[in-house]
Amino acid sequence: MTNEPAHGTVPGRLTVKLPPNLEITYSNFAVITHSASEMVIDLAQVMPQVPEARVQARVVMTPLNAKLFLRALGDNLGRYEAQFGAIATPEGSGLADTLFRPTPEPGPEK
């Protein structure tokens, strides 16, 4: 038995294969909950003027994997911003409120 990598593989690299029937899901909202052993991320779609979010996918991972995912996402966002510029984030309440709350009608000018 040997610890040598198989012919044609690179140590530390993992081949990721996407199945041909994989459904792509768009999400603009997430609900994150946890237990002592799991992080649960429900990815949902929020539509303007619709008072409910429709969950499209649920991802369950260990807290360690969630922390590593957070690091990888931060690294990728950093590279994205280096290439395309800073991503502006809304201030104040939650993202769904900012994006989908009806804009108040302007009042009469005084």
PDB file of N, CA and C in Angstrom:
ATOM      1  N   MET A   1       0.845  -1.165   0.000  1.00  0.00           N
ATOM      2  CA  MET A   1       0.000   0.000   0.000  1.00  0.00           C
ATOM      3  C   MET A   1       0.891   1.228   0.000  1.00  0.00           C
ATOM      4  N   THR A   2       0.469   2.265  -0.744  1.00  0.00           N
ATOM      5  CA  THR A   2       1.270   3.468  -0.858  1.00  0.00           C
ATOM      6  C   THR A   2       0.426   4.701  -0.591  1.00  0.00           C
ATOM      7  N   ASN A   3       1.085   5.784  -0.192  1.00  0.00           N
ATOM      8  CA  ASN A   3       0.404   7.054   0.029  1.00  0.00           C
ATOM      9  C   ASN A   3       0.535   7.966  -1.180  1.00  0.00           C
ATOM     10  N   GLU A   4       1.044   7.462  -2.278  1.00  0.00           N
ATOM     11  CA  GLU A   4       1.199   8.250  -3.494  1.00  0.00           C
ATOM     12  C   GLU A   4      -0.163   8.539  -4.107  1.00  0.00           C
ATOM     13  N   PRO A   5      -0.366   9.767  -4.647  1.00  0.00           N
ATOM     14  CA  PRO A   5      -1.643  10.043  -5.311  1.00  0.00           C
ATOM     15  C   PRO A   5      -1.778   9.224  -6.578  1.00  0.00           C
ATOM     16  N   ALA A   6      -3.024   8.961  -6.950  1.00  0.00           N
ATOM     17  CA  ALA A   6      -3.288   8.218  -8.178  1.00  0.00           C
ATOM     18  C   ALA A   6      -2.740   8.993  -9.364  1.00  0.00           C
ATOM     19  N   HIS A   7      -2.380   8.282 -10.411  1.00  0.00           N
ATOM     20  CA  HIS A   7      -1.824   8.895 -11.618  1.00  0.00           C
ATOM     21  C   HIS A   7      -2.783   9.946 -12.162  1.00  0.00           C
ATOM     22  N   GLY A   8      -2.279  11.151 -12.438  1.00  0.00           N
ATOM     23  CA  GLY A   8      -3.087  12.206 -13.031  1.00  0.00           C
ATOM     24  C   GLY A   8      -3.831  13.068 -12.043  1.00  0.00           C
ATOM     25  N   THR A   9      -3.746  12.791 -10.743  1.00  0.00           N
ATOM     26  CA  THR A   9      -4.418  13.630  -9.754  1.00  0.00           C
ATOM     27  C   THR A   9      -3.408  14.535  -9.082  1.00  0.00           C
ATOM     28  N   VAL A  10      -3.896  15.647  -8.590  1.00  0.00           N
ATOM     29  CA  VAL A  10      -3.051  16.608  -7.887  1.00  0.00           C
ATOM     30  C   VAL A  10      -3.390  16.527  -6.408  1.00  0.00           C
ATOM     31  N   PRO A  11      -2.379  16.337  -5.529  1.00  0.00           N
ATOM     32  CA  PRO A  11      -2.668  16.265  -4.099  1.00  0.00           C
ATOM     33  C   PRO A  11      -3.384  17.537  -3.624  1.00  0.00           C
ATOM     34  N   GLY A  12      -4.408  17.360  -2.786  1.00  0.00           N
ATOM     35  CA  GLY A  12      -5.143  18.495  -2.251  1.00  0.00           C
ATOM     36  C   GLY A  12      -6.236  19.012  -3.169  1.00  0.00           C
ATOM     37  N   ARG A  13      -6.357  18.473  -4.372  1.00  0.00           N
ATOM     38  CA  ARG A  13      -7.390  18.899  -5.325  1.00  0.00           C
ATOM     39  C   ARG A  13      -8.538  17.895  -5.306  1.00  0.00           C
ATOM     40  N   LEU A  14      -9.714  18.396  -5.461  1.00  0.00           N
ATOM     41  CA  LEU A  14     -10.891  17.555  -5.494  1.00  0.00           C
ATOM     42  C   LEU A  14     -11.641  17.851  -6.783  1.00  0.00           C
ATOM     43  N   THR A  15     -12.011  16.828  -7.504  1.00  0.00           N
ATOM     44  CA  THR A  15     -12.797  17.004  -8.716  1.00  0.00           C
ATOM     45  C   THR A  15     -14.261  17.108  -8.318  1.00  0.00           C
ATOM     46  N   VAL A  16     -14.929  18.164  -8.768  1.00  0.00           N
ATOM     47  CA  VAL A  16     -16.344  18.364  -8.474  1.00  0.00           C
ATOM     48  C   VAL A  16     -17.114  18.176  -9.766  1.00  0.00           C
ATOM     49  N   LYS A  17     -18.062  17.274  -9.752  1.00  0.00           N
ATOM     50  CA  LYS A  17     -18.865  16.995 -10.945  1.00  0.00           C
ATOM     51  C   LYS A  17     -20.295  17.429 -10.687  1.00  0.00           C
ATOM     52  N   LEU A  18     -20.846  18.198 -11.620  1.00  0.00           N
ATOM     53  CA  LEU A  18     -22.235  18.617 -11.540  1.00  0.00           C
ATOM     54  C   LEU A  18     -23.086  17.661 -12.356  1.00  0.00           C
ATOM     55  N   PRO A  19     -24.143  17.114 -11.770  1.00  0.00           N
ATOM     56  CA  PRO A  19     -25.002  16.228 -12.554  1.00  0.00           C
ATOM     57  C   PRO A  19     -25.705  17.013 -13.654  1.00  0.00           C
ATOM     58  N   PRO A  20     -25.932  16.394 -14.795  1.00  0.00           N
ATOM     59  CA  PRO A  20     -26.545  17.122 -15.911  1.00  0.00           C
ATOM     60  C   PRO A  20     -27.960  17.601 -15.624  1.00  0.00           C
ATOM     61  N   ASN A  21     -28.663  16.986 -14.682  1.00  0.00           N
ATOM     62  CA  ASN A  21     -30.033  17.378 -14.378  1.00  0.00           C
ATOM     63  C   ASN A  21     -30.125  18.292 -13.140  1.00  0.00           C
ATOM     64  N   LEU A  22     -29.006  18.861 -12.716  1.00  0.00           N
ATOM     65  CA  LEU A  22     -28.996  19.732 -11.541  1.00  0.00           C
ATOM     66  C   LEU A  22     -29.863  20.954 -11.785  1.00  0.00           C
ATOM     67  N   GLU A  23     -30.786  21.227 -10.859  1.00  0.00           N
ATOM     68  CA  GLU A  23     -31.647  22.398 -10.980  1.00  0.00           C
ATOM     69  C   GLU A  23     -30.966  23.591 -10.316  1.00  0.00           C
ATOM     70  N   ILE A  24     -30.906  24.700 -11.027  1.00  0.00           N
ATOM     71  CA  ILE A  24     -30.330  25.928 -10.504  1.00  0.00           C
ATOM     72  C   ILE A  24     -31.404  26.639  -9.694  1.00  0.00           C
ATOM     73  N   THR A  25     -31.040  27.133  -8.522  1.00  0.00           N
ATOM     74  CA  THR A  25     -31.980  27.814  -7.651  1.00  0.00           C
ATOM     75  C   THR A  25     -31.479  29.215  -7.355  1.00  0.00           C
ATOM     76  N   TYR A  26     -32.348  30.201  -7.531  1.00  0.00           N
ATOM     77  CA  TYR A  26     -32.032  31.585  -7.173  1.00  0.00           C
ATOM     78  C   TYR A  26     -32.554  31.844  -5.772  1.00  0.00           C
ATOM     79  N   SER A  27     -31.741  32.491  -4.947  1.00  0.00           N
ATOM     80  CA  SER A  27     -32.148  32.824  -3.596  1.00  0.00           C
ATOM     81  C   SER A  27     -31.746  34.261  -3.283  1.00  0.00           C
ATOM     82  N   ASN A  28     -32.662  35.008  -2.672  1.00  0.00           N
ATOM     83  CA  ASN A  28     -32.352  36.364  -2.226  1.00  0.00           C
ATOM     84  C   ASN A  28     -32.668  36.544  -0.751  1.00  0.00           C
ATOM     85  N   PHE A  29     -32.840  35.423  -0.055  1.00  0.00           N
ATOM     86  CA  PHE A  29     -33.192  35.463   1.366  1.00  0.00           C
ATOM     87  C   PHE A  29     -32.740  34.158   2.007  1.00  0.00           C
ATOM     88  N   ALA A  30     -32.264  34.218   3.231  1.00  0.00           N
ATOM     89  CA  ALA A  30     -31.852  33.010   3.941  1.00  0.00           C
ATOM     90  C   ALA A  30     -32.309  33.081   5.392  1.00  0.00           C
ATOM     91  N   VAL A  31     -32.704  31.938   5.915  1.00  0.00           N
ATOM     92  CA  VAL A  31     -33.017  31.791   7.329  1.00  0.00           C
ATOM     93  C   VAL A  31     -32.006  30.792   7.871  1.00  0.00           C
ATOM     94  N   ILE A  32     -31.277  31.191   8.906  1.00  0.00           N
ATOM     95  CA  ILE A  32     -30.219  30.342   9.450  1.00  0.00           C
ATOM     96  C   ILE A  32     -30.559  29.999  10.895  1.00  0.00           C
ATOM     97  N   THR A  33     -30.584  28.705  11.190  1.00  0.00           N
ATOM     98  CA  THR A  33     -30.812  28.225  12.552  1.00  0.00           C
ATOM     99  C   THR A  33     -29.721  27.208  12.875  1.00  0.00           C
ATOM    100  N   HIS A  34     -29.647  26.809  14.143  1.00  0.00           N
ATOM    101  CA  HIS A  34     -28.606  25.856  14.515  1.00  0.00           C
ATOM    102  C   HIS A  34     -29.009  25.056  15.748  1.00  0.00           C
ATOM    103  N   SER A  35     -28.334  23.933  15.896  1.00  0.00           N
ATOM    104  CA  SER A  35     -28.379  23.127  17.114  1.00  0.00           C
ATOM    105  C   SER A  35     -26.930  23.016  17.580  1.00  0.00           C
ATOM    106  N   ALA A  36     -26.700  22.216  18.572  1.00  0.00           N
ATOM    107  CA  ALA A  36     -25.325  22.039  19.058  1.00  0.00           C
ATOM    108  C   ALA A  36     -24.435  21.384  18.007  1.00  0.00           C
ATOM    109  N   SER A  37     -25.018  20.615  17.090  1.00  0.00           N
ATOM    110  CA  SER A  37     -24.203  19.865  16.135  1.00  0.00           C
ATOM    111  C   SER A  37     -24.419  20.225  14.684  1.00  0.00           C
ATOM    112  N   GLU A  38     -25.388  21.113  14.363  1.00  0.00           N
ATOM    113  CA  GLU A  38     -25.681  21.402  12.967  1.00  0.00           C
ATOM    114  C   GLU A  38     -26.020  22.878  12.750  1.00  0.00           C
ATOM    115  N   MET A  39     -25.684  23.360  11.579  1.00  0.00           N
ATOM    116  CA  MET A  39     -26.129  24.663  11.094  1.00  0.00           C
ATOM    117  C   MET A  39     -27.101  24.357   9.962  1.00  0.00           C
ATOM    118  N   VAL A  40     -28.268  24.980   9.984  1.00  0.00           N
ATOM    119  CA  VAL A  40     -29.289  24.758   8.962  1.00  0.00           C
ATOM    120  C   VAL A  40     -29.515  26.083   8.239  1.00  0.00           C
ATOM    121  N   ILE A  41     -29.342  26.062   6.924  1.00  0.00           N
ATOM    122  CA  ILE A  41     -29.512  27.262   6.110  1.00  0.00           C
ATOM    123  C   ILE A  41     -30.637  26.980   5.123  1.00  0.00           C
ATOM    124  N   ASP A  42     -31.748  27.691   5.280  1.00  0.00           N
ATOM    125  CA  ASP A  42     -32.853  27.612   4.331  1.00  0.00           C
ATOM    126  C   ASP A  42     -32.700  28.769   3.361  1.00  0.00           C
ATOM    127  N   LEU A  43     -32.525  28.452   2.083  1.00  0.00           N
ATOM    128  CA  LEU A  43     -32.380  29.459   1.036  1.00  0.00           C
ATOM    129  C   LEU A  43     -33.742  29.656   0.391  1.00  0.00           C
ATOM    130  N   ALA A  44     -34.187  30.917   0.323  1.00  0.00           N
ATOM    131  CA  ALA A  44     -35.541  31.204  -0.120  1.00  0.00           C
ATOM    132  C   ALA A  44     -35.569  32.325  -1.139  1.00  0.00           C
ATOM    133  N   GLN A  45     -36.725  32.464  -1.755  1.00  0.00           N
ATOM    134  CA  GLN A  45     -37.004  33.571  -2.662  1.00  0.00           C
ATOM    135  C   GLN A  45     -38.072  34.445  -2.034  1.00  0.00           C
ATOM    136  N   VAL A  46     -37.818  35.738  -2.005  1.00  0.00           N
ATOM    137  CA  VAL A  46     -38.800  36.712  -1.562  1.00  0.00           C
ATOM    138  C   VAL A  46     -39.179  37.521  -2.789  1.00  0.00           C
ATOM    139  N   MET A  47     -40.472  37.619  -3.030  1.00  0.00           N
ATOM    140  CA  MET A  47     -40.962  38.372  -4.170  1.00  0.00           C
ATOM    141  C   MET A  47     -41.613  39.659  -3.682  1.00  0.00           C
ATOM    142  N   PRO A  48     -41.471  40.743  -4.436  1.00  0.00           N
ATOM    143  CA  PRO A  48     -42.103  42.005  -4.033  1.00  0.00           C
ATOM    144  C   PRO A  48     -43.616  41.831  -3.863  1.00  0.00           C
ATOM    145  N   GLN A  49     -44.137  42.450  -2.827  1.00  0.00           N
ATOM    146  CA  GLN A  49     -45.567  42.467  -2.519  1.00  0.00           C
ATOM    147  C   GLN A  49     -46.151  41.098  -2.162  1.00  0.00           C
ATOM    148  N   VAL A  50     -45.307  40.094  -1.927  1.00  0.00           N
ATOM    149  CA  VAL A  50     -45.776  38.772  -1.498  1.00  0.00           C
ATOM    150  C   VAL A  50     -45.294  38.577  -0.062  1.00  0.00           C
ATOM    151  N   PRO A  51     -46.218  38.392   0.898  1.00  0.00           N
ATOM    152  CA  PRO A  51     -45.836  38.377   2.314  1.00  0.00           C
ATOM    153  C   PRO A  51     -45.262  37.058   2.825  1.00  0.00           C
ATOM    154  N   GLU A  52     -44.740  36.218   1.949  1.00  0.00           N
ATOM    155  CA  GLU A  52     -44.108  34.979   2.408  1.00  0.00           C
ATOM    156  C   GLU A  52     -42.896  34.674   1.551  1.00  0.00           C
ATOM    157  N   ALA A  53     -41.927  34.001   2.158  1.00  0.00           N
ATOM    158  CA  ALA A  53     -40.721  33.580   1.445  1.00  0.00           C
ATOM    159  C   ALA A  53     -40.868  32.104   1.113  1.00  0.00           C
ATOM    160  N   ARG A  54     -40.517  31.731  -0.097  1.00  0.00           N
ATOM    161  CA  ARG A  54     -40.632  30.338  -0.534  1.00  0.00           C
ATOM    162  C   ARG A  54     -39.250  29.688  -0.472  1.00  0.00           C
ATOM    163  N   VAL A  55     -39.087  28.710   0.432  1.00  0.00           N
ATOM    164  CA  VAL A  55     -37.805  28.020   0.581  1.00  0.00           C
ATOM    165  C   VAL A  55     -37.563  27.170  -0.658  1.00  0.00           C
ATOM    166  N   GLN A  56     -36.375  27.340  -1.248  1.00  0.00           N
ATOM    167  CA  GLN A  56     -35.991  26.624  -2.459  1.00  0.00           C
ATOM    168  C   GLN A  56     -35.023  25.479  -2.163  1.00  0.00           C
ATOM    169  N   ALA A  57     -34.241  25.628  -1.099  1.00  0.00           N
ATOM    170  CA  ALA A  57     -33.248  24.596  -0.768  1.00  0.00           C
ATOM    171  C   ALA A  57     -32.899  24.697   0.708  1.00  0.00           C
ATOM    172  N   ARG A  58     -32.541  23.591   1.302  1.00  0.00           N
ATOM    173  CA  ARG A  58     -32.075  23.543   2.687  1.00  0.00           C
ATOM    174  C   ARG A  58     -30.689  22.914   2.683  1.00  0.00           C
ATOM    175  N   VAL A  59     -29.748  23.595   3.304  1.00  0.00           N
ATOM    176  CA  VAL A  59     -28.384  23.094   3.422  1.00  0.00           C
ATOM    177  C   VAL A  59     -28.108  22.875   4.912  1.00  0.00           C
ATOM    178  N   VAL A  60     -27.655  21.677   5.245  1.00  0.00           N
ATOM    179  CA  VAL A  60     -27.323  21.352   6.630  1.00  0.00           C
ATOM    180  C   VAL A  60     -25.842  20.990   6.664  1.00  0.00           C
ATOM    181  N   MET A  61     -25.107  21.611   7.592  1.00  0.00           N
ATOM    182  CA  MET A  61     -23.681  21.316   7.717  1.00  0.00           C
ATOM    183  C   MET A  61     -23.255  21.424   9.175  1.00  0.00           C
ATOM    184  N   THR A  62     -22.081  20.889   9.457  1.00  0.00           N
ATOM    185  CA  THR A  62     -21.552  20.991  10.809  1.00  0.00           C
ATOM    186  C   THR A  62     -21.112  22.436  11.066  1.00  0.00           C
ATOM    187  N   PRO A  63     -21.029  22.849  12.331  1.00  0.00           N
ATOM    188  CA  PRO A  63     -20.525  24.191  12.626  1.00  0.00           C
ATOM    189  C   PRO A  63     -19.124  24.430  12.046  1.00  0.00           C
ATOM    190  N   LEU A  64     -18.255  23.423  12.081  1.00  0.00           N
ATOM    191  CA  LEU A  64     -16.925  23.576  11.499  1.00  0.00           C
ATOM    192  C   LEU A  64     -17.017  23.844  10.001  1.00  0.00           C
ATOM    193  N   ASN A  65     -17.826  23.050   9.287  1.00  0.00           N
ATOM    194  CA  ASN A  65     -17.965  23.269   7.850  1.00  0.00           C
ATOM    195  C   ASN A  65     -18.596  24.622   7.561  1.00  0.00           C
ATOM    196  N   ALA A  66     -19.535  25.072   8.406  1.00  0.00           N
ATOM    197  CA  ALA A  66     -20.144  26.386   8.217  1.00  0.00           C
ATOM    198  C   ALA A  66     -19.093  27.486   8.376  1.00  0.00           C
ATOM    199  N   LYS A  67     -18.205  27.331   9.344  1.00  0.00           N
ATOM    200  CA  LYS A  67     -17.157  28.337   9.545  1.00  0.00           C
ATOM    201  C   LYS A  67     -16.179  28.345   8.372  1.00  0.00           C
ATOM    202  N   LEU A  68     -15.835  27.174   7.862  1.00  0.00           N
ATOM    203  CA  LEU A  68     -14.955  27.095   6.694  1.00  0.00           C
ATOM    204  C   LEU A  68     -15.651  27.659   5.459  1.00  0.00           C
ATOM    205  N   PHE A  69     -16.960  27.422   5.331  1.00  0.00           N
ATOM    206  CA  PHE A  69     -17.740  27.997   4.236  1.00  0.00           C
ATOM    207  C   PHE A  69     -17.756  29.515   4.334  1.00  0.00           C
ATOM    208  N   LEU A  70     -17.944  30.036   5.539  1.00  0.00           N
ATOM    209  CA  LEU A  70     -17.919  31.484   5.756  1.00  0.00           C
ATOM    210  C   LEU A  70     -16.577  32.072   5.329  1.00  0.00           C
ATOM    211  N   ARG A  71     -15.491  31.402   5.678  1.00  0.00           N
ATOM    212  CA  ARG A  71     -14.162  31.863   5.272  1.00  0.00           C
ATOM    213  C   ARG A  71     -14.009  31.851   3.753  1.00  0.00           C
ATOM    214  N   ALA A  72     -14.426  30.753   3.117  1.00  0.00           N
ATOM    215  CA  ALA A  72     -14.318  30.649   1.662  1.00  0.00           C
ATOM    216  C   ALA A  72     -15.189  31.701   0.975  1.00  0.00           C
ATOM    217  N   LEU A  73     -16.388  31.936   1.492  1.00  0.00           N
ATOM    218  CA  LEU A  73     -17.269  32.952   0.917  1.00  0.00           C
ATOM    219  C   LEU A  73     -16.647  34.335   1.068  1.00  0.00           C
ATOM    220  N   GLY A  74     -16.074  34.627   2.237  1.00  0.00           N
ATOM    221  CA  GLY A  74     -15.390  35.907   2.445  1.00  0.00           C
ATOM    222  C   GLY A  74     -14.218  36.094   1.500  1.00  0.00           C
ATOM    223  N   ASP A  75     -13.433  35.038   1.306  1.00  0.00           N
ATOM    224  CA  ASP A  75     -12.311  35.111   0.368  1.00  0.00           C
ATOM    225  C   ASP A  75     -12.800  35.412  -1.045  1.00  0.00           C
ATOM    226  N   ASN A  76     -13.859  34.728  -1.469  1.00  0.00           N
ATOM    227  CA  ASN A  76     -14.389  34.933  -2.814  1.00  0.00           C
ATOM    228  C   ASN A  76     -15.016  36.313  -2.980  1.00  0.00           C
ATOM    229  N   LEU A  77     -15.709  36.798  -1.959  1.00  0.00           N
ATOM    230  CA  LEU A  77     -16.259  38.155  -2.026  1.00  0.00           C
ATOM    231  C   LEU A  77     -15.134  39.185  -2.105  1.00  0.00           C
ATOM    232  N   GLY A  78     -14.053  38.950  -1.390  1.00  0.00           N
ATOM    233  CA  GLY A  78     -12.897  39.850  -1.463  1.00  0.00           C
ATOM    234  C   GLY A  78     -12.313  39.895  -2.865  1.00  0.00           C
ATOM    235  N   ARG A  79     -12.185  38.737  -3.499  1.00  0.00           N
ATOM    236  CA  ARG A  79     -11.677  38.702  -4.878  1.00  0.00           C
ATOM    237  C   ARG A  79     -12.659  39.365  -5.849  1.00  0.00           C
ATOM    238  N   TYR A  80     -13.949  39.156  -5.629  1.00  0.00           N
ATOM    239  CA  TYR A  80     -14.966  39.789  -6.467  1.00  0.00           C
ATOM    240  C   TYR A  80     -14.847  41.315  -6.365  1.00  0.00           C
ATOM    241  N   GLU A  81     -14.766  41.830  -5.134  1.00  0.00           N
ATOM    242  CA  GLU A  81     -14.679  43.283  -4.943  1.00  0.00           C
ATOM    243  C   GLU A  81     -13.373  43.847  -5.489  1.00  0.00           C
ATOM    244  N   ALA A  82     -12.307  43.082  -5.421  1.00  0.00           N
ATOM    245  CA  ALA A  82     -11.038  43.540  -6.000  1.00  0.00           C
ATOM    246  C   ALA A  82     -11.164  43.687  -7.518  1.00  0.00           C
ATOM    247  N   GLN A  83     -11.961  42.832  -8.130  1.00  0.00           N
ATOM    248  CA  GLN A  83     -12.133  42.872  -9.580  1.00  0.00           C
ATOM    249  C   GLN A  83     -13.212  43.862 -10.020  1.00  0.00           C
ATOM    250  N   PHE A  84     -14.335  43.917  -9.298  1.00  0.00           N
ATOM    251  CA  PHE A  84     -15.490  44.686  -9.759  1.00  0.00           C
ATOM    252  C   PHE A  84     -15.830  45.898  -8.889  1.00  0.00           C
ATOM    253  N   GLY A  85     -15.181  46.065  -7.758  1.00  0.00           N
ATOM    254  CA  GLY A  85     -15.486  47.180  -6.872  1.00  0.00           C
ATOM    255  C   GLY A  85     -16.298  46.731  -5.664  1.00  0.00           C
ATOM    256  N   ALA A  86     -16.370  47.628  -4.689  1.00  0.00           N
ATOM    257  CA  ALA A  86     -17.046  47.315  -3.424  1.00  0.00           C
ATOM    258  C   ALA A  86     -18.532  47.072  -3.640  1.00  0.00           C
ATOM    259  N   ILE A  87     -19.070  46.152  -2.865  1.00  0.00           N
ATOM    260  CA  ILE A  87     -20.496  45.852  -2.880  1.00  0.00           C
ATOM    261  C   ILE A  87     -21.139  46.700  -1.792  1.00  0.00           C
ATOM    262  N   ALA A  88     -22.051  47.580  -2.181  1.00  0.00           N
ATOM    263  CA  ALA A  88     -22.743  48.421  -1.206  1.00  0.00           C
ATOM    264  C   ALA A  88     -23.826  47.593  -0.518  1.00  0.00           C
ATOM    265  N   THR A  89     -23.884  47.685   0.796  1.00  0.00           N
ATOM    266  CA  THR A  89     -24.916  46.978   1.546  1.00  0.00           C
ATOM    267  C   THR A  89     -25.844  47.990   2.191  1.00  0.00           C
ATOM    268  N   PRO A  90     -27.140  47.661   2.280  1.00  0.00           N
ATOM    269  CA  PRO A  90     -28.092  48.592   2.883  1.00  0.00           C
ATOM    270  C   PRO A  90     -27.857  48.724   4.381  1.00  0.00           C
ATOM    271  N   GLU A  91     -28.140  49.890   4.898  1.00  0.00           N
ATOM    272  CA  GLU A  91     -28.017  50.138   6.338  1.00  0.00           C
ATOM    273  C   GLU A  91     -29.359  49.866   7.004  1.00  0.00           C
ATOM    274  N   GLY A  92     -29.319  49.595   8.283  1.00  0.00           N
ATOM    275  CA  GLY A  92     -30.567  49.493   9.030  1.00  0.00           C
ATOM    276  C   GLY A  92     -31.120  48.102   9.101  1.00  0.00           C
ATOM    277  N   SER A  93     -32.399  47.955   8.751  1.00  0.00           N
ATOM    278  CA  SER A  93     -33.121  46.700   8.935  1.00  0.00           C
ATOM    279  C   SER A  93     -32.609  45.613   7.991  1.00  0.00           C
ATOM    280  N   GLY A  94     -33.294  44.504   7.964  1.00  0.00           N
ATOM    281  CA  GLY A  94     -32.877  43.365   7.168  1.00  0.00           C
ATOM    282  C   GLY A  94     -32.936  43.622   5.676  1.00  0.00           C
ATOM    283  N   LEU A  95     -32.216  42.812   4.932  1.00  0.00           N
ATOM    284  CA  LEU A  95     -32.134  42.951   3.481  1.00  0.00           C
ATOM    285  C   LEU A  95     -33.502  42.824   2.832  1.00  0.00           C
ATOM    286  N   ALA A  96     -34.303  41.856   3.267  1.00  0.00           N
ATOM    287  CA  ALA A  96     -35.622  41.682   2.667  1.00  0.00           C
ATOM    288  C   ALA A  96     -36.476  42.934   2.883  1.00  0.00           C
ATOM    289  N   ASP A  97     -36.403  43.533   4.068  1.00  0.00           N
ATOM    290  CA  ASP A  97     -37.157  44.769   4.315  1.00  0.00           C
ATOM    291  C   ASP A  97     -36.684  45.879   3.392  1.00  0.00           C
ATOM    292  N   THR A  98     -35.386  45.994   3.232  1.00  0.00           N
ATOM    293  CA  THR A  98     -34.830  47.046   2.387  1.00  0.00           C
ATOM    294  C   THR A  98     -35.234  46.870   0.936  1.00  0.00           C
ATOM    295  N   LEU A  99     -35.202  45.637   0.452  1.00  0.00           N
ATOM    296  CA  LEU A  99     -35.486  45.394  -0.954  1.00  0.00           C
ATOM    297  C   LEU A  99     -36.968  45.345  -1.286  1.00  0.00           C
ATOM    298  N   PHE A 100     -37.790  44.871  -0.353  1.00  0.00           N
ATOM    299  CA  PHE A 100     -39.165  44.562  -0.716  1.00  0.00           C
ATOM    300  C   PHE A 100     -40.231  45.308   0.075  1.00  0.00           C
ATOM    301  N   ARG A 101     -39.849  46.139   1.021  1.00  0.00           N
ATOM    302  CA  ARG A 101     -40.840  46.928   1.750  1.00  0.00           C
ATOM    303  C   ARG A 101     -41.406  47.964   0.793  1.00  0.00           C
ATOM    304  N   PRO A 102     -42.704  48.145   0.769  1.00  0.00           N
ATOM    305  CA  PRO A 102     -43.248  49.169  -0.120  1.00  0.00           C
ATOM    306  C   PRO A 102     -42.688  50.542   0.231  1.00  0.00           C
ATOM    307  N   THR A 103     -42.337  51.306  -0.777  1.00  0.00           N
ATOM    308  CA  THR A 103     -41.823  52.647  -0.574  1.00  0.00           C
ATOM    309  C   THR A 103     -42.980  53.557  -0.167  1.00  0.00           C
ATOM    310  N   PRO A 104     -42.816  54.318   0.919  1.00  0.00           N
ATOM    311  CA  PRO A 104     -43.906  55.186   1.345  1.00  0.00           C
ATOM    312  C   PRO A 104     -44.198  56.224   0.251  1.00  0.00           C
ATOM    313  N   GLU A 105     -45.481  56.524   0.104  1.00  0.00           N
ATOM    314  CA  GLU A 105     -45.893  57.539  -0.853  1.00  0.00           C
ATOM    315  C   GLU A 105     -45.411  58.886  -0.366  1.00  0.00           C
ATOM    316  N   PRO A 106     -44.877  59.717  -1.259  1.00  0.00           N
ATOM    317  CA  PRO A 106     -44.432  61.054  -0.816  1.00  0.00           C
ATOM    318  C   PRO A 106     -45.629  61.869  -0.362  1.00  0.00           C
ATOM    319  N   GLY A 107     -45.440  62.586   0.733  1.00  0.00           N
ATOM    320  CA  GLY A 107     -46.500  63.430   1.257  1.00  0.00           C
ATOM    321  C   GLY A 107     -46.532  64.760   0.543  1.00  0.00           C
ATOM    322  N   PRO A 108     -47.562  65.551   0.816  1.00  0.00           N
ATOM    323  CA  PRO A 108     -47.640  66.870   0.193  1.00  0.00           C
ATOM    324  C   PRO A 108     -46.506  67.763   0.691  1.00  0.00           C
ATOM    325  N   GLU A 109     -45.968  68.541  -0.186  1.00  0.00           N
ATOM    326  CA  GLU A 109     -44.875  69.448   0.191  1.00  0.00           C
ATOM    327  C   GLU A 109     -45.427  70.606   0.967  1.00  0.00           C
ATOM    328  N   LYS A 110     -44.651  71.039   1.955  1.00  0.00           N
ATOM    329  CA  LYS A 110     -45.093  72.164   2.802  1.00  0.00           C
ATOM    330  C   LYS A 110     -44.282  73.391   2.504  1.00  0.00           C
TER     331      LYS A 110
END
